[in-house]
Amino acid sequence: MRGVLSSHAANGTLAILDGSSFDAPSTRTAAQLLSDWGDRPVLVVTTEDEETLSKSFRNLEKVLVTGPEELEVALHLLLALEPTH
Protein backbone atom coordinates (compact mmCIF):
# COMPACT_ATOMS: atom_id res chain seq x y z
CA MET A 1 0.00 0.00 0.00
CA ARG A 2 2.88 2.37 0.74
CA GLY A 3 4.04 1.97 -2.85
CA VAL A 4 0.63 2.88 -4.25
CA LEU A 5 0.38 5.98 -2.06
CA SER A 6 3.95 6.99 -2.93
CA SER A 7 3.17 6.63 -6.62
CA HIS A 8 0.09 8.83 -6.31
CA ALA A 9 2.07 11.44 -4.38
CA ALA A 10 4.76 11.48 -7.08
CA ASN A 11 2.11 11.83 -9.83
CA GLY A 12 0.26 14.65 -8.08
CA THR A 13 -2.85 12.52 -7.61
CA LEU A 14 -2.76 12.55 -3.80
CA ALA A 15 -3.95 15.42 -1.62
CA ILE A 16 -4.32 15.93 2.11
CA LEU A 17 -7.35 17.83 3.37
CA ASP A 18 -7.87 19.27 6.84
CA GLY A 19 -11.32 18.04 7.81
CA SER A 20 -11.70 20.75 10.42
CA SER A 21 -12.22 23.26 7.59
CA PHE A 22 -15.77 21.89 7.23
CA ASP A 23 -17.89 23.48 9.99
CA ALA A 24 -21.03 21.88 8.54
CA PRO A 25 -21.66 19.29 5.81
CA SER A 26 -21.42 20.93 2.39
CA THR A 27 -21.52 18.90 -0.80
CA ARG A 28 -21.09 22.14 -2.76
CA THR A 29 -17.81 22.94 -0.98
CA ALA A 30 -16.59 19.37 -1.46
CA ALA A 31 -17.42 19.52 -5.19
CA GLN A 32 -15.55 22.83 -5.52
CA LEU A 33 -12.47 21.30 -3.88
CA LEU A 34 -12.54 18.46 -6.40
CA SER A 35 -13.29 20.58 -9.48
CA ASP A 36 -9.61 20.73 -10.53
CA TRP A 37 -9.20 16.95 -10.25
CA GLY A 38 -11.16 16.27 -13.42
CA ASP A 39 -13.37 13.23 -13.91
CA ARG A 40 -11.16 10.62 -12.23
CA PRO A 41 -12.36 8.61 -9.22
CA VAL A 42 -11.52 10.05 -5.81
CA LEU A 43 -10.93 8.28 -2.51
CA VAL A 44 -11.63 10.25 0.68
CA VAL A 45 -10.35 8.66 3.88
CA THR A 46 -11.93 9.98 7.08
CA THR A 47 -11.90 9.08 10.74
CA GLU A 48 -14.94 8.63 12.96
CA ASP A 49 -14.40 12.20 14.23
CA GLU A 50 -14.77 13.63 10.71
CA GLU A 51 -18.46 12.94 10.14
CA THR A 52 -18.98 16.41 8.64
CA LEU A 53 -16.29 15.71 6.06
CA SER A 54 -17.77 12.29 5.25
CA LYS A 55 -21.23 13.76 4.74
CA SER A 56 -19.82 16.46 2.47
CA PHE A 57 -18.19 14.04 0.03
CA ARG A 58 -20.34 10.89 0.19
CA ASN A 59 -22.97 11.95 -2.37
CA LEU A 60 -20.55 13.07 -5.06
CA GLU A 61 -20.22 10.99 -8.21
CA LYS A 62 -17.03 8.91 -8.47
CA VAL A 63 -16.13 9.62 -4.83
CA LEU A 64 -15.62 6.78 -2.38
CA VAL A 65 -15.58 7.71 1.32
CA THR A 66 -14.01 5.19 3.68
CA GLY A 67 -12.23 4.85 6.98
CA PRO A 68 -8.55 4.00 7.43
CA GLU A 69 -9.44 0.45 8.47
CA GLU A 70 -10.89 -0.20 4.99
CA LEU A 71 -8.26 1.66 2.99
CA GLU A 72 -6.73 -1.32 1.20
CA VAL A 73 -10.11 -2.61 -0.03
CA ALA A 74 -11.12 0.92 -1.05
CA LEU A 75 -7.95 1.34 -3.11
CA HIS A 76 -8.77 -1.84 -5.04
CA LEU A 77 -12.31 -0.60 -5.70
CA LEU A 78 -11.04 2.77 -6.83
CA LEU A 79 -8.57 1.20 -9.25
CA ALA A 80 -11.41 -0.86 -10.71
CA LEU A 81 -13.35 2.36 -11.42
CA GLU A 82 -10.46 4.06 -13.17
CA PRO A 83 -10.67 3.92 -16.96
CA THR A 84 -7.85 2.09 -18.73
CA HIS A 85 -5.76 4.02 -21.22
PDB file of N, CA and C in Angstrom:
ATOM      1  N   MET A   1       0.826  -1.180   0.000  1.00  0.00           N
ATOM      2  CA  MET A   1       0.000   0.000   0.000  1.00  0.00           C
ATOM      3  C   MET A   1       0.877   1.253   0.000  1.00  0.00           C
ATOM      4  N   ARG A   2       1.990   1.211   0.699  1.00  0.00           N
ATOM      5  CA  ARG A   2       2.879   2.368   0.743  1.00  0.00           C
ATOM      6  C   ARG A   2       3.345   2.739  -0.662  1.00  0.00           C
ATOM      7  N   GLY A   3       3.610   1.716  -1.480  1.00  0.00           N
ATOM      8  CA  GLY A   3       4.042   1.965  -2.849  1.00  0.00           C
ATOM      9  C   GLY A   3       2.981   2.658  -3.677  1.00  0.00           C
ATOM     10  N   VAL A   4       1.729   2.258  -3.499  1.00  0.00           N
ATOM     11  CA  VAL A   4       0.625   2.878  -4.247  1.00  0.00           C
ATOM     12  C   VAL A   4       0.481   4.342  -3.834  1.00  0.00           C
ATOM     13  N   LEU A   5       0.510   4.605  -2.535  1.00  0.00           N
ATOM     14  CA  LEU A   5       0.380   5.984  -2.055  1.00  0.00           C
ATOM     15  C   LEU A   5       1.564   6.836  -2.500  1.00  0.00           C
ATOM     16  N   SER A   6       2.764   6.269  -2.475  1.00  0.00           N
ATOM     17  CA  SER A   6       3.948   6.994  -2.932  1.00  0.00           C
ATOM     18  C   SER A   6       3.846   7.333  -4.405  1.00  0.00           C
ATOM     19  N   SER A   7       3.347   6.400  -5.186  1.00  0.00           N
ATOM     20  CA  SER A   7       3.166   6.631  -6.619  1.00  0.00           C
ATOM     21  C   SER A   7       2.182   7.767  -6.873  1.00  0.00           C
ATOM     22  N   HIS A   8       1.080   7.762  -6.150  1.00  0.00           N
ATOM     23  CA  HIS A   8       0.093   8.834  -6.314  1.00  0.00           C
ATOM     24  C   HIS A   8       0.673  10.184  -5.885  1.00  0.00           C
ATOM     25  N   ALA A   9       1.445  10.194  -4.824  1.00  0.00           N
ATOM     26  CA  ALA A   9       2.071  11.435  -4.376  1.00  0.00           C
ATOM     27  C   ALA A   9       3.019  11.969  -5.450  1.00  0.00           C
ATOM     28  N   ALA A  10       3.806  11.081  -6.040  1.00  0.00           N
ATOM     29  CA  ALA A  10       4.755  11.481  -7.084  1.00  0.00           C
ATOM     30  C   ALA A  10       4.048  11.988  -8.338  1.00  0.00           C
ATOM     31  N   ASN A  11       2.860  11.443  -8.631  1.00  0.00           N
ATOM     32  CA  ASN A  11       2.110  11.834  -9.826  1.00  0.00           C
ATOM     33  C   ASN A  11       1.172  13.018  -9.594  1.00  0.00           C
ATOM     34  N   GLY A  12       1.141  13.523  -8.369  1.00  0.00           N
ATOM     35  CA  GLY A  12       0.260  14.654  -8.078  1.00  0.00           C
ATOM     36  C   GLY A  12      -1.196  14.265  -7.976  1.00  0.00           C
ATOM     37  N   THR A  13      -1.467  12.986  -7.708  1.00  0.00           N
ATOM     38  CA  THR A  13      -2.852  12.519  -7.605  1.00  0.00           C
ATOM     39  C   THR A  13      -3.222  12.178  -6.165  1.00  0.00           C
ATOM     40  N   LEU A  14      -2.494  12.755  -5.218  1.00  0.00           N
ATOM     41  CA  LEU A  14      -2.759  12.551  -3.795  1.00  0.00           C
ATOM     42  C   LEU A  14      -2.809  13.921  -3.137  1.00  0.00           C
ATOM     43  N   ALA A  15      -3.832  14.152  -2.335  1.00  0.00           N
ATOM     44  CA  ALA A  15      -3.954  15.423  -1.623  1.00  0.00           C
ATOM     45  C   ALA A  15      -4.362  15.135  -0.184  1.00  0.00           C
ATOM     46  N   ILE A  16      -3.955  16.023   0.706  1.00  0.00           N
ATOM     47  CA  ILE A  16      -4.324  15.929   2.111  1.00  0.00           C
ATOM     48  C   ILE A  16      -5.250  17.105   2.404  1.00  0.00           C
ATOM     49  N   LEU A  17      -6.354  16.812   3.061  1.00  0.00           N
ATOM     50  CA  LEU A  17      -7.351  17.834   3.375  1.00  0.00           C
ATOM     51  C   LEU A  17      -7.562  17.891   4.875  1.00  0.00           C
ATOM     52  N   ASP A  18      -7.586  19.087   5.425  1.00  0.00           N
ATOM     53  CA  ASP A  18      -7.866  19.274   6.838  1.00  0.00           C
ATOM     54  C   ASP A  18      -9.378  19.269   7.031  1.00  0.00           C
ATOM     55  N   GLY A  19      -9.887  18.190   7.617  1.00  0.00           N
ATOM     56  CA  GLY A  19     -11.325  18.042   7.808  1.00  0.00           C
ATOM     57  C   GLY A  19     -11.945  19.082   8.700  1.00  0.00           C
ATOM     58  N   SER A  20     -11.145  19.734   9.529  1.00  0.00           N
ATOM     59  CA  SER A  20     -11.699  20.753  10.419  1.00  0.00           C
ATOM     60  C   SER A  20     -12.134  22.005   9.665  1.00  0.00           C
ATOM     61  N   SER A  21     -11.789  22.103   8.379  1.00  0.00           N
ATOM     62  CA  SER A  21     -12.215  23.264   7.588  1.00  0.00           C
ATOM     63  C   SER A  21     -13.699  23.194   7.229  1.00  0.00           C
ATOM     64  N   PHE A  22     -14.342  22.054   7.482  1.00  0.00           N
ATOM     65  CA  PHE A  22     -15.772  21.891   7.228  1.00  0.00           C
ATOM     66  C   PHE A  22     -16.525  22.050   8.552  1.00  0.00           C
ATOM     67  N   ASP A  23     -17.115  23.232   8.764  1.00  0.00           N
ATOM     68  CA  ASP A  23     -17.893  23.476   9.986  1.00  0.00           C
ATOM     69  C   ASP A  23     -19.219  22.728   9.958  1.00  0.00           C
ATOM     70  N   ALA A  24     -19.760  22.584   8.750  1.00  0.00           N
ATOM     71  CA  ALA A  24     -21.033  21.884   8.541  1.00  0.00           C
ATOM     72  C   ALA A  24     -20.924  21.109   7.240  1.00  0.00           C
ATOM     73  N   PRO A  25     -21.710  20.041   7.076  1.00  0.00           N
ATOM     74  CA  PRO A  25     -21.659  19.294   5.812  1.00  0.00           C
ATOM     75  C   PRO A  25     -21.997  20.203   4.629  1.00  0.00           C
ATOM     76  N   SER A  26     -21.188  20.115   3.573  1.00  0.00           N
ATOM     77  CA  SER A  26     -21.424  20.925   2.388  1.00  0.00           C
ATOM     78  C   SER A  26     -20.933  20.186   1.144  1.00  0.00           C
ATOM     79  N   THR A  27     -21.867  19.584   0.442  1.00  0.00           N
ATOM     80  CA  THR A  27     -21.520  18.903  -0.800  1.00  0.00           C
ATOM     81  C   THR A  27     -20.998  19.905  -1.823  1.00  0.00           C
ATOM     82  N   ARG A  28     -21.539  21.099  -1.814  1.00  0.00           N
ATOM     83  CA  ARG A  28     -21.093  22.138  -2.756  1.00  0.00           C
ATOM     84  C   ARG A  28     -19.609  22.466  -2.537  1.00  0.00           C
ATOM     85  N   THR A  29     -19.219  22.650  -1.291  1.00  0.00           N
ATOM     86  CA  THR A  29     -17.809  22.944  -0.980  1.00  0.00           C
ATOM     87  C   THR A  29     -16.915  21.774  -1.374  1.00  0.00           C
ATOM     88  N   ALA A  30     -17.359  20.560  -1.087  1.00  0.00           N
ATOM     89  CA  ALA A  30     -16.589  19.368  -1.460  1.00  0.00           C
ATOM     90  C   ALA A  30     -16.413  19.296  -2.972  1.00  0.00           C
ATOM     91  N   ALA A  31     -17.484  19.558  -3.716  1.00  0.00           N
ATOM     92  CA  ALA A  31     -17.415  19.525  -5.186  1.00  0.00           C
ATOM     93  C   ALA A  31     -16.458  20.596  -5.710  1.00  0.00           C
ATOM     94  N   GLN A  32     -16.461  21.757  -5.102  1.00  0.00           N
ATOM     95  CA  GLN A  32     -15.547  22.827  -5.518  1.00  0.00           C
ATOM     96  C   GLN A  32     -14.096  22.418  -5.284  1.00  0.00           C
ATOM     97  N   LEU A  33     -13.826  21.762  -4.162  1.00  0.00           N
ATOM     98  CA  LEU A  33     -12.468  21.302  -3.885  1.00  0.00           C
ATOM     99  C   LEU A  33     -11.985  20.287  -4.917  1.00  0.00           C
ATOM    100  N   LEU A  34     -12.906  19.500  -5.438  1.00  0.00           N
ATOM    101  CA  LEU A  34     -12.539  18.458  -6.404  1.00  0.00           C
ATOM    102  C   LEU A  34     -12.609  18.920  -7.854  1.00  0.00           C
ATOM    103  N   SER A  35     -13.058  20.122  -8.110  1.00  0.00           N
ATOM    104  CA  SER A  35     -13.285  20.577  -9.481  1.00  0.00           C
ATOM    105  C   SER A  35     -12.027  20.532 -10.343  1.00  0.00           C
ATOM    106  N   ASP A  36     -10.859  20.751  -9.761  1.00  0.00           N
ATOM    107  CA  ASP A  36      -9.612  20.727 -10.535  1.00  0.00           C
ATOM    108  C   ASP A  36      -9.074  19.322 -10.762  1.00  0.00           C
ATOM    109  N   TRP A  37      -9.687  18.319 -10.144  1.00  0.00           N
ATOM    110  CA  TRP A  37      -9.204  16.952 -10.252  1.00  0.00           C
ATOM    111  C   TRP A  37      -9.738  16.243 -11.495  1.00  0.00           C
ATOM    112  N   GLY A  38     -10.631  16.882 -12.212  1.00  0.00           N
ATOM    113  CA  GLY A  38     -11.163  16.266 -13.423  1.00  0.00           C
ATOM    114  C   GLY A  38     -12.196  15.205 -13.111  1.00  0.00           C
ATOM    115  N   ASP A  39     -12.301  14.233 -14.002  1.00  0.00           N
ATOM    116  CA  ASP A  39     -13.369  13.229 -13.914  1.00  0.00           C
ATOM    117  C   ASP A  39     -12.878  11.899 -13.332  1.00  0.00           C
ATOM    118  N   ARG A  40     -11.699  11.877 -12.772  1.00  0.00           N
ATOM    119  CA  ARG A  40     -11.158  10.621 -12.234  1.00  0.00           C
ATOM    120  C   ARG A  40     -11.789  10.280 -10.877  1.00  0.00           C
ATOM    121  N   PRO A  41     -11.829   9.018 -10.527  1.00  0.00           N
ATOM    122  CA  PRO A  41     -12.365   8.612  -9.220  1.00  0.00           C
ATOM    123  C   PRO A  41     -11.518   9.177  -8.080  1.00  0.00           C
ATOM    124  N   VAL A  42     -12.185   9.450  -6.965  1.00  0.00           N
ATOM    125  CA  VAL A  42     -11.523  10.052  -5.809  1.00  0.00           C
ATOM    126  C   VAL A  42     -11.813   9.209  -4.573  1.00  0.00           C
ATOM    127  N   LEU A  43     -10.797   8.995  -3.772  1.00  0.00           N
ATOM    128  CA  LEU A  43     -10.931   8.284  -2.506  1.00  0.00           C
ATOM    129  C   LEU A  43     -10.731   9.286  -1.384  1.00  0.00           C
ATOM    130  N   VAL A  44     -11.714   9.373  -0.484  1.00  0.00           N
ATOM    131  CA  VAL A  44     -11.626  10.248   0.684  1.00  0.00           C
ATOM    132  C   VAL A  44     -11.585   9.353   1.917  1.00  0.00           C
ATOM    133  N   VAL A  45     -10.517   9.469   2.678  1.00  0.00           N
ATOM    134  CA  VAL A  45     -10.351   8.657   3.881  1.00  0.00           C
ATOM    135  C   VAL A  45     -10.600   9.566   5.082  1.00  0.00           C
ATOM    136  N   THR A  46     -11.569   9.180   5.913  1.00  0.00           N
ATOM    137  CA  THR A  46     -11.928   9.982   7.079  1.00  0.00           C
ATOM    138  C   THR A  46     -11.919   9.112   8.336  1.00  0.00           C
ATOM    139  N   THR A  47     -11.798   9.768   9.461  1.00  0.00           N
ATOM    140  CA  THR A  47     -11.896   9.075  10.738  1.00  0.00           C
ATOM    141  C   THR A  47     -13.308   9.236  11.279  1.00  0.00           C
ATOM    142  N   GLU A  48     -13.613   8.543  12.346  1.00  0.00           N
ATOM    143  CA  GLU A  48     -14.940   8.634  12.963  1.00  0.00           C
ATOM    144  C   GLU A  48     -15.241  10.053  13.417  1.00  0.00           C
ATOM    145  N   ASP A  49     -14.223  10.823  13.759  1.00  0.00           N
ATOM    146  CA  ASP A  49     -14.395  12.197  14.227  1.00  0.00           C
ATOM    147  C   ASP A  49     -14.686  13.181  13.095  1.00  0.00           C
ATOM    148  N   GLU A  50     -14.593  12.733  11.861  1.00  0.00           N
ATOM    149  CA  GLU A  50     -14.767  13.628  10.706  1.00  0.00           C
ATOM    150  C   GLU A  50     -16.082  13.364   9.974  1.00  0.00           C
ATOM    151  N   GLU A  51     -17.153  13.235  10.717  1.00  0.00           N
ATOM    152  CA  GLU A  51     -18.461  12.945  10.136  1.00  0.00           C
ATOM    153  C   GLU A  51     -18.906  14.047   9.171  1.00  0.00           C
ATOM    154  N   THR A  52     -18.613  15.297   9.509  1.00  0.00           N
ATOM    155  CA  THR A  52     -18.976  16.413   8.641  1.00  0.00           C
ATOM    156  C   THR A  52     -18.291  16.285   7.283  1.00  0.00           C
ATOM    157  N   LEU A  53     -17.036  15.905   7.298  1.00  0.00           N
ATOM    158  CA  LEU A  53     -16.289  15.710   6.057  1.00  0.00           C
ATOM    159  C   LEU A  53     -16.877  14.552   5.250  1.00  0.00           C
ATOM    160  N   SER A  54     -17.174  13.454   5.922  1.00  0.00           N
ATOM    161  CA  SER A  54     -17.770  12.292   5.249  1.00  0.00           C
ATOM    162  C   SER A  54     -19.084  12.662   4.576  1.00  0.00           C
ATOM    163  N   LYS A  55     -19.935  13.364   5.296  1.00  0.00           N
ATOM    164  CA  LYS A  55     -21.234  13.758   4.739  1.00  0.00           C
ATOM    165  C   LYS A  55     -21.083  14.705   3.558  1.00  0.00           C
ATOM    166  N   SER A  56     -20.041  15.511   3.552  1.00  0.00           N
ATOM    167  CA  SER A  56     -19.823  16.465   2.468  1.00  0.00           C
ATOM    168  C   SER A  56     -19.455  15.783   1.164  1.00  0.00           C
ATOM    169  N   PHE A  57     -18.701  14.698   1.240  1.00  0.00           N
ATOM    170  CA  PHE A  57     -18.192  14.041   0.035  1.00  0.00           C
ATOM    171  C   PHE A  57     -18.999  12.816  -0.400  1.00  0.00           C
ATOM    172  N   ARG A  58     -19.756  12.205   0.466  1.00  0.00           N
ATOM    173  CA  ARG A  58     -20.337  10.892   0.185  1.00  0.00           C
ATOM    174  C   ARG A  58     -21.346  10.855  -0.955  1.00  0.00           C
ATOM    175  N   ASN A  59     -21.970  11.959  -1.309  1.00  0.00           N
ATOM    176  CA  ASN A  59     -22.967  11.950  -2.372  1.00  0.00           C
ATOM    177  C   ASN A  59     -22.425  12.389  -3.730  1.00  0.00           C
ATOM    178  N   LEU A  60     -21.135  12.649  -3.795  1.00  0.00           N
ATOM    179  CA  LEU A  60     -20.545  13.074  -5.062  1.00  0.00           C
ATOM    180  C   LEU A  60     -20.253  11.866  -5.953  1.00  0.00           C
ATOM    181  N   GLU A  61     -20.476  12.059  -7.241  1.00  0.00           N
ATOM    182  CA  GLU A  61     -20.221  10.991  -8.207  1.00  0.00           C
ATOM    183  C   GLU A  61     -18.729  10.684  -8.272  1.00  0.00           C
ATOM    184  N   LYS A  62     -18.402   9.415  -8.366  1.00  0.00           N
ATOM    185  CA  LYS A  62     -17.029   8.908  -8.469  1.00  0.00           C
ATOM    186  C   LYS A  62     -16.189   9.232  -7.239  1.00  0.00           C
ATOM    187  N   VAL A  63     -16.840   9.405  -6.086  1.00  0.00           N
ATOM    188  CA  VAL A  63     -16.131   9.617  -4.828  1.00  0.00           C
ATOM    189  C   VAL A  63     -16.477   8.475  -3.891  1.00  0.00           C
ATOM    190  N   LEU A  64     -15.457   7.853  -3.343  1.00  0.00           N
ATOM    191  CA  LEU A  64     -15.625   6.778  -2.378  1.00  0.00           C
ATOM    192  C   LEU A  64     -15.100   7.275  -1.041  1.00  0.00           C
ATOM    193  N   VAL A  65     -15.962   7.291  -0.024  1.00  0.00           N
ATOM    194  CA  VAL A  65     -15.579   7.715   1.322  1.00  0.00           C
ATOM    195  C   VAL A  65     -15.425   6.468   2.182  1.00  0.00           C
ATOM    196  N   THR A  66     -14.297   6.365   2.867  1.00  0.00           N
ATOM    197  CA  THR A  66     -14.014   5.190   3.681  1.00  0.00           C
ATOM    198  C   THR A  66     -13.182   5.575   4.893  1.00  0.00           C
ATOM    199  N   GLY A  67     -13.085   4.662   5.816  1.00  0.00           N
ATOM    200  CA  GLY A  67     -12.234   4.851   6.985  1.00  0.00           C
ATOM    201  C   GLY A  67     -10.881   4.210   6.770  1.00  0.00           C
ATOM    202  N   PRO A  68      -9.900   4.556   7.585  1.00  0.00           N
ATOM    203  CA  PRO A  68      -8.550   3.996   7.427  1.00  0.00           C
ATOM    204  C   PRO A  68      -8.513   2.473   7.529  1.00  0.00           C
ATOM    205  N   GLU A  69      -9.432   1.900   8.287  1.00  0.00           N
ATOM    206  CA  GLU A  69      -9.442   0.449   8.466  1.00  0.00           C
ATOM    207  C   GLU A  69      -9.842  -0.294   7.190  1.00  0.00           C
ATOM    208  N   GLU A  70     -10.457   0.412   6.249  1.00  0.00           N
ATOM    209  CA  GLU A  70     -10.890  -0.201   4.986  1.00  0.00           C
ATOM    210  C   GLU A  70     -10.117   0.338   3.792  1.00  0.00           C
ATOM    211  N   LEU A  71      -8.998   0.979   4.047  1.00  0.00           N
ATOM    212  CA  LEU A  71      -8.259   1.662   2.988  1.00  0.00           C
ATOM    213  C   LEU A  71      -7.782   0.726   1.890  1.00  0.00           C
ATOM    214  N   GLU A  72      -7.253  -0.419   2.230  1.00  0.00           N
ATOM    215  CA  GLU A  72      -6.729  -1.325   1.205  1.00  0.00           C
ATOM    216  C   GLU A  72      -7.827  -1.804   0.260  1.00  0.00           C
ATOM    217  N   VAL A  73      -8.978  -2.175   0.798  1.00  0.00           N
ATOM    218  CA  VAL A  73     -10.110  -2.607  -0.030  1.00  0.00           C
ATOM    219  C   VAL A  73     -10.591  -1.446  -0.890  1.00  0.00           C
ATOM    220  N   ALA A  74     -10.655  -0.263  -0.304  1.00  0.00           N
ATOM    221  CA  ALA A  74     -11.117   0.918  -1.045  1.00  0.00           C
ATOM    222  C   ALA A  74     -10.193   1.239  -2.209  1.00  0.00           C
ATOM    223  N   LEU A  75      -8.885   1.089  -2.020  1.00  0.00           N
ATOM    224  CA  LEU A  75      -7.945   1.336  -3.113  1.00  0.00           C
ATOM    225  C   LEU A  75      -8.190   0.386  -4.283  1.00  0.00           C
ATOM    226  N   HIS A  76      -8.476  -0.865  -3.983  1.00  0.00           N
ATOM    227  CA  HIS A  76      -8.765  -1.837  -5.045  1.00  0.00           C
ATOM    228  C   HIS A  76     -10.048  -1.463  -5.783  1.00  0.00           C
ATOM    229  N   LEU A  77     -11.060  -1.025  -5.059  1.00  0.00           N
ATOM    230  CA  LEU A  77     -12.309  -0.603  -5.701  1.00  0.00           C
ATOM    231  C   LEU A  77     -12.086   0.623  -6.573  1.00  0.00           C
ATOM    232  N   LEU A  78     -11.309   1.555  -6.089  1.00  0.00           N
ATOM    233  CA  LEU A  78     -11.041   2.768  -6.834  1.00  0.00           C
ATOM    234  C   LEU A  78     -10.283   2.472  -8.123  1.00  0.00           C
ATOM    235  N   LEU A  79      -9.314   1.587  -8.047  1.00  0.00           N
ATOM    236  CA  LEU A  79      -8.567   1.202  -9.247  1.00  0.00           C
ATOM    237  C   LEU A  79      -9.469   0.532 -10.275  1.00  0.00           C
ATOM    238  N   ALA A  80     -10.468  -0.201  -9.796  1.00  0.00           N
ATOM    239  CA  ALA A  80     -11.406  -0.856 -10.713  1.00  0.00           C
ATOM    240  C   ALA A  80     -12.289   0.170 -11.418  1.00  0.00           C
ATOM    241  N   LEU A  81     -12.534   1.318 -10.809  1.00  0.00           N
ATOM    242  CA  LEU A  81     -13.351   2.362 -11.417  1.00  0.00           C
ATOM    243  C   LEU A  81     -12.592   3.197 -12.428  1.00  0.00           C
ATOM    244  N   GLU A  82     -11.275   3.230 -12.307  1.00  0.00           N
ATOM    245  CA  GLU A  82     -10.457   4.064 -13.166  1.00  0.00           C
ATOM    246  C   GLU A  82     -10.446   3.524 -14.588  1.00  0.00           C
ATOM    247  N   PRO A  83     -10.687   4.397 -15.566  1.00  0.00           N
ATOM    248  CA  PRO A  83     -10.666   3.917 -16.963  1.00  0.00           C
ATOM    249  C   PRO A  83      -9.258   3.517 -17.375  1.00  0.00           C
ATOM    250  N   THR A  84      -9.161   2.517 -18.221  1.00  0.00           N
ATOM    251  CA  THR A  84      -7.850   2.091 -18.727  1.00  0.00           C
ATOM    252  C   THR A  84      -7.499   2.931 -19.947  1.00  0.00           C
ATOM    253  N   HIS A  85      -6.232   3.183 -20.085  1.00  0.00           N
ATOM    254  CA  HIS A  85      -5.759   4.015 -21.218  1.00  0.00           C
ATOM    255  C   HIS A  85      -4.963   3.207 -22.176  1.00  0.00           C
TER     256      HIS A  85
END
